[in-house]
Amino acid sequence: MSAQQLDPLLGIRPMQNEDLSHVMAMEERVYPFPWTLGIFQDCLRVGYCCWVVTLDQQVIGYGVMSVVIDESHILNICIHPTWQGQGLGYKLTQRLLKIARQHGAETVFLEVRASNQIAFKLYEKIGFVKIGQRKNYYPAADRKREDALVMALEF
């Protein structure tokens, strides 16, 4: 049973500057090449769609998305490792897609590491399709690079 079904204190709300210390701690724990605090601050400052998943007021996930005219780009989604596998990434992605539709987006794009098959399968389940591949897009261990799979969802 998912955390969502078990706990009515689960919520999704807009990210605030006060959330950034929790967001950064999670970003640095989950990703080997994390975003910087400045990137998150810039995303909030320019008005990107930045949301957090909370459980009893604690941030346990977040998502960042840009929307420009009729197109949206999911830039970052993260769920704390303790809460992964319980449907929260799905729920957060669905919220971002709803917001993209409300802003008039006709297509939503994202990139996912080729090695991140769990995320790839989640996006496929939601309806995203692979439309391309960016060679050597992500930094990887030992100064190597990893391909990104480019995915899109049309409304």
C-alpha atoms as a PDB file:
ATOM      1  CA  MET A   1       0.000   0.000   0.000  1.00  0.00           C
ATOM      2  CA  SER A   2       1.350   3.437  -0.873  1.00  0.00           C
ATOM      3  CA  ALA A   3       2.241   6.226   1.526  1.00  0.00           C
ATOM      4  CA  GLN A   4      -0.496   8.268  -0.130  1.00  0.00           C
ATOM      5  CA  GLN A   5      -3.141   5.745   0.904  1.00  0.00           C
ATOM      6  CA  LEU A   6      -1.728   5.327   4.388  1.00  0.00           C
ATOM      7  CA  ASP A   7      -1.240   8.921   5.438  1.00  0.00           C
ATOM      8  CA  PRO A   8      -3.608  11.851   4.971  1.00  0.00           C
ATOM      9  CA  LEU A   9      -0.741  14.218   5.843  1.00  0.00           C
ATOM     10  CA  LEU A  10       0.810  13.662   2.410  1.00  0.00           C
ATOM     11  CA  GLY A  11       0.659  16.733   0.188  1.00  0.00           C
ATOM     12  CA  ILE A  12       2.017  18.469  -2.898  1.00  0.00           C
ATOM     13  CA  ARG A  13       2.500  22.233  -2.807  1.00  0.00           C
ATOM     14  CA  PRO A  14       4.537  24.979  -4.501  1.00  0.00           C
ATOM     15  CA  MET A  15       8.195  25.045  -3.484  1.00  0.00           C
ATOM     16  CA  GLN A  16       9.310  28.002  -1.367  1.00  0.00           C
ATOM     17  CA  ASN A  17      12.762  29.411  -0.626  1.00  0.00           C
ATOM     18  CA  GLU A  18      12.452  27.959   2.871  1.00  0.00           C
ATOM     19  CA  ASP A  19      12.320  24.460   1.335  1.00  0.00           C
ATOM     20  CA  LEU A  20      15.682  24.764  -0.416  1.00  0.00           C
ATOM     21  CA  SER A  21      17.831  23.390   2.420  1.00  0.00           C
ATOM     22  CA  HIS A  22      15.738  20.178   2.409  1.00  0.00           C
ATOM     23  CA  VAL A  23      15.676  20.074  -1.391  1.00  0.00           C
ATOM     24  CA  MET A  24      19.465  20.467  -1.574  1.00  0.00           C
ATOM     25  CA  ALA A  25      20.081  17.767   1.050  1.00  0.00           C
ATOM     26  CA  MET A  26      17.951  15.367  -0.973  1.00  0.00           C
ATOM     27  CA  GLU A  27      19.477  16.423  -4.315  1.00  0.00           C
ATOM     28  CA  GLU A  28      22.979  15.805  -2.987  1.00  0.00           C
ATOM     29  CA  ARG A  29      21.996  12.450  -1.500  1.00  0.00           C
ATOM     30  CA  VAL A  30      20.251  11.097  -4.590  1.00  0.00           C
ATOM     31  CA  TYR A  31      22.300  12.422  -7.504  1.00  0.00           C
ATOM     32  CA  PRO A  32      26.035  11.893  -8.056  1.00  0.00           C
ATOM     33  CA  PHE A  33      26.110  15.186 -10.008  1.00  0.00           C
ATOM     34  CA  PRO A  34      23.545  17.355  -8.200  1.00  0.00           C
ATOM     35  CA  TRP A  35      22.130  20.708  -9.174  1.00  0.00           C
ATOM     36  CA  THR A  36      23.517  23.654  -7.212  1.00  0.00           C
ATOM     37  CA  LEU A  37      21.583  25.800  -4.790  1.00  0.00           C
ATOM     38  CA  GLY A  38      21.901  28.632  -7.301  1.00  0.00           C
ATOM     39  CA  ILE A  39      20.105  26.609  -9.969  1.00  0.00           C
ATOM     40  CA  PHE A  40      17.137  25.997  -7.659  1.00  0.00           C
ATOM     41  CA  GLN A  41      17.104  29.659  -6.591  1.00  0.00           C
ATOM     42  CA  ASP A  42      17.125  30.750 -10.231  1.00  0.00           C
ATOM     43  CA  CYS A  43      14.261  28.374 -11.060  1.00  0.00           C
ATOM     44  CA  LEU A  44      12.155  29.900  -8.286  1.00  0.00           C
ATOM     45  CA  ARG A  45      13.182  33.451  -9.216  1.00  0.00           C
ATOM     46  CA  VAL A  46      12.215  33.158 -12.890  1.00  0.00           C
ATOM     47  CA  GLY A  47       8.902  31.489 -12.116  1.00  0.00           C
ATOM     48  CA  TYR A  48       9.447  27.877 -13.131  1.00  0.00           C
ATOM     49  CA  CYS A  49       6.859  25.446 -11.795  1.00  0.00           C
ATOM     50  CA  CYS A  50       8.625  24.184  -8.665  1.00  0.00           C
ATOM     51  CA  TRP A  51       6.708  21.831  -6.377  1.00  0.00           C
ATOM     52  CA  VAL A  52       7.470  19.744  -3.294  1.00  0.00           C
ATOM     53  CA  VAL A  53       5.960  16.543  -1.966  1.00  0.00           C
ATOM     54  CA  THR A  54       5.519  16.683   1.789  1.00  0.00           C
ATOM     55  CA  LEU A  55       4.671  14.180   4.488  1.00  0.00           C
ATOM     56  CA  ASP A  56       3.677  15.734   7.798  1.00  0.00           C
ATOM     57  CA  GLN A  57       5.255  19.039   6.652  1.00  0.00           C
ATOM     58  CA  GLN A  58       8.599  17.348   5.792  1.00  0.00           C
ATOM     59  CA  VAL A  59       9.821  17.642   2.198  1.00  0.00           C
ATOM     60  CA  ILE A  60      10.238  14.129   0.767  1.00  0.00           C
ATOM     61  CA  GLY A  61      10.314  14.986  -2.944  1.00  0.00           C
ATOM     62  CA  TYR A  62      10.324  17.788  -5.489  1.00  0.00           C
ATOM     63  CA  GLY A  63       9.875  18.584  -9.139  1.00  0.00           C
ATOM     64  CA  VAL A  64      10.900  21.460 -11.404  1.00  0.00           C
ATOM     65  CA  MET A  65       9.325  22.228 -14.781  1.00  0.00           C
ATOM     66  CA  SER A  66       9.459  25.075 -17.267  1.00  0.00           C
ATOM     67  CA  VAL A  67       6.541  26.058 -19.481  1.00  0.00           C
ATOM     68  CA  VAL A  68       7.012  28.286 -22.521  1.00  0.00           C
ATOM     69  CA  ILE A  69       4.127  28.991 -24.910  1.00  0.00           C
ATOM     70  CA  ASP A  70       2.833  25.543 -25.957  1.00  0.00           C
ATOM     71  CA  GLU A  71       5.701  23.408 -24.668  1.00  0.00           C
ATOM     72  CA  SER A  72       6.845  22.246 -21.266  1.00  0.00           C
ATOM     73  CA  HIS A  73      10.060  20.639 -20.041  1.00  0.00           C
ATOM     74  CA  ILE A  74      10.310  18.565 -16.858  1.00  0.00           C
ATOM     75  CA  LEU A  75      13.784  19.438 -15.608  1.00  0.00           C
ATOM     76  CA  ASN A  76      14.127  17.582 -12.320  1.00  0.00           C
ATOM     77  CA  ILE A  77      12.080  15.106 -10.312  1.00  0.00           C
ATOM     78  CA  CYS A  78      13.324  13.534  -7.108  1.00  0.00           C
ATOM     79  CA  ILE A  79      11.764  11.432  -4.356  1.00  0.00           C
ATOM     80  CA  HIS A  80      13.700  10.713  -1.162  1.00  0.00           C
ATOM     81  CA  PRO A  81      15.106   7.136  -1.304  1.00  0.00           C
ATOM     82  CA  THR A  82      13.073   6.116   1.759  1.00  0.00           C
ATOM     83  CA  TRP A  83       9.865   6.926  -0.106  1.00  0.00           C
ATOM     84  CA  GLN A  84      10.753   5.690  -3.594  1.00  0.00           C
ATOM     85  CA  GLY A  85       8.661   2.898  -5.069  1.00  0.00           C
ATOM     86  CA  GLN A  86       5.429   4.029  -3.417  1.00  0.00           C
ATOM     87  CA  GLY A  87       3.839   5.949  -6.269  1.00  0.00           C
ATOM     88  CA  LEU A  88       4.991   9.413  -5.248  1.00  0.00           C
ATOM     89  CA  GLY A  89       7.035  10.014  -8.412  1.00  0.00           C
ATOM     90  CA  TYR A  90       3.959   9.078 -10.434  1.00  0.00           C
ATOM     91  CA  LYS A  91       1.745  11.412  -8.402  1.00  0.00           C
ATOM     92  CA  LEU A  92       4.220  14.304  -8.659  1.00  0.00           C
ATOM     93  CA  THR A  93       4.637  13.828 -12.410  1.00  0.00           C
ATOM     94  CA  GLN A  94       0.854  13.800 -12.840  1.00  0.00           C
ATOM     95  CA  ARG A  95       0.654  17.093 -10.921  1.00  0.00           C
ATOM     96  CA  LEU A  96       3.300  18.646 -13.168  1.00  0.00           C
ATOM     97  CA  LEU A  97       1.441  17.454 -16.264  1.00  0.00           C
ATOM     98  CA  LYS A  98      -1.786  18.991 -14.977  1.00  0.00           C
ATOM     99  CA  ILE A  99       0.008  22.308 -14.454  1.00  0.00           C
ATOM    100  CA  ALA A 100       1.555  22.101 -17.938  1.00  0.00           C
ATOM    101  CA  ARG A 101      -1.935  21.630 -19.435  1.00  0.00           C
ATOM    102  CA  GLN A 102      -3.270  24.570 -17.417  1.00  0.00           C
ATOM    103  CA  HIS A 103      -0.483  26.729 -18.866  1.00  0.00           C
ATOM    104  CA  GLY A 104      -1.425  25.721 -22.401  1.00  0.00           C
ATOM    105  CA  ALA A 105       1.356  23.234 -23.103  1.00  0.00           C
ATOM    106  CA  GLU A 106       0.660  20.824 -25.931  1.00  0.00           C
ATOM    107  CA  THR A 107       3.832  18.759 -25.500  1.00  0.00           C
ATOM    108  CA  VAL A 108       5.940  17.923 -22.444  1.00  0.00           C
ATOM    109  CA  PHE A 109       9.589  16.892 -22.839  1.00  0.00           C
ATOM    110  CA  LEU A 110      12.128  15.398 -20.452  1.00  0.00           C
ATOM    111  CA  GLU A 111      15.510  13.724 -20.462  1.00  0.00           C
ATOM    112  CA  VAL A 112      16.383  10.693 -18.376  1.00  0.00           C
ATOM    113  CA  ARG A 113      19.719   8.930 -17.927  1.00  0.00           C
ATOM    114  CA  ALA A 114      19.917   5.838 -20.128  1.00  0.00           C
ATOM    115  CA  SER A 115      20.863   3.836 -17.017  1.00  0.00           C
ATOM    116  CA  ASN A 116      17.804   5.009 -15.042  1.00  0.00           C
ATOM    117  CA  GLN A 117      15.420   2.316 -16.221  1.00  0.00           C
ATOM    118  CA  ILE A 118      13.105   2.718 -13.217  1.00  0.00           C
ATOM    119  CA  ALA A 119      12.390   6.349 -14.161  1.00  0.00           C
ATOM    120  CA  PHE A 120      12.219   5.465 -17.867  1.00  0.00           C
ATOM    121  CA  LYS A 121       9.562   2.815 -17.193  1.00  0.00           C
ATOM    122  CA  LEU A 122       7.601   5.235 -14.987  1.00  0.00           C
ATOM    123  CA  TYR A 123       7.540   7.827 -17.762  1.00  0.00           C
ATOM    124  CA  GLU A 124       6.485   5.167 -20.280  1.00  0.00           C
ATOM    125  CA  LYS A 125       3.651   4.112 -17.945  1.00  0.00           C
ATOM    126  CA  ILE A 126       2.472   7.726 -17.843  1.00  0.00           C
ATOM    127  CA  GLY A 127       2.485   7.907 -21.646  1.00  0.00           C
ATOM    128  CA  PHE A 128       5.835   9.442 -22.565  1.00  0.00           C
ATOM    129  CA  VAL A 129       7.543   7.984 -25.622  1.00  0.00           C
ATOM    130  CA  LYS A 130      11.236   7.977 -26.466  1.00  0.00           C
ATOM    131  CA  ILE A 131      11.854  10.414 -29.324  1.00  0.00           C
ATOM    132  CA  GLY A 132      15.630  10.576 -29.331  1.00  0.00           C
ATOM    133  CA  GLN A 133      18.913  10.259 -27.526  1.00  0.00           C
ATOM    134  CA  ARG A 134      21.489  12.878 -26.543  1.00  0.00           C
ATOM    135  CA  LYS A 135      24.948  11.349 -26.672  1.00  0.00           C
ATOM    136  CA  ASN A 136      27.226  12.072 -23.705  1.00  0.00           C
ATOM    137  CA  TYR A 137      24.646  14.409 -22.149  1.00  0.00           C
ATOM    138  CA  TYR A 138      25.138  13.662 -18.442  1.00  0.00           C
ATOM    139  CA  PRO A 139      28.394  13.613 -16.474  1.00  0.00           C
ATOM    140  CA  ALA A 140      29.268  10.153 -15.162  1.00  0.00           C
ATOM    141  CA  ALA A 141      31.911   8.546 -12.968  1.00  0.00           C
ATOM    142  CA  ASP A 142      35.572   8.622 -13.943  1.00  0.00           C
ATOM    143  CA  ARG A 143      35.139  11.719 -16.133  1.00  0.00           C
ATOM    144  CA  LYS A 144      32.969   9.761 -18.528  1.00  0.00           C
ATOM    145  CA  ARG A 145      29.617  10.819 -19.940  1.00  0.00           C
ATOM    146  CA  GLU A 146      26.227   9.097 -20.138  1.00  0.00           C
ATOM    147  CA  ASP A 147      23.555   9.345 -22.801  1.00  0.00           C
ATOM    148  CA  ALA A 148      20.167  10.905 -22.109  1.00  0.00           C
ATOM    149  CA  LEU A 149      16.984   9.428 -23.487  1.00  0.00           C
ATOM    150  CA  VAL A 150      14.709  12.208 -24.727  1.00  0.00           C
ATOM    151  CA  MET A 151      11.028  11.562 -24.104  1.00  0.00           C
ATOM    152  CA  ALA A 152       7.860  13.442 -25.015  1.00  0.00           C
ATOM    153  CA  LEU A 153       4.190  13.351 -24.155  1.00  0.00           C
ATOM    154  CA  GLU A 154       1.621  15.084 -26.345  1.00  0.00           C
ATOM    155  CA  PHE A 155      -1.729  16.108 -24.908  1.00  0.00           C
END
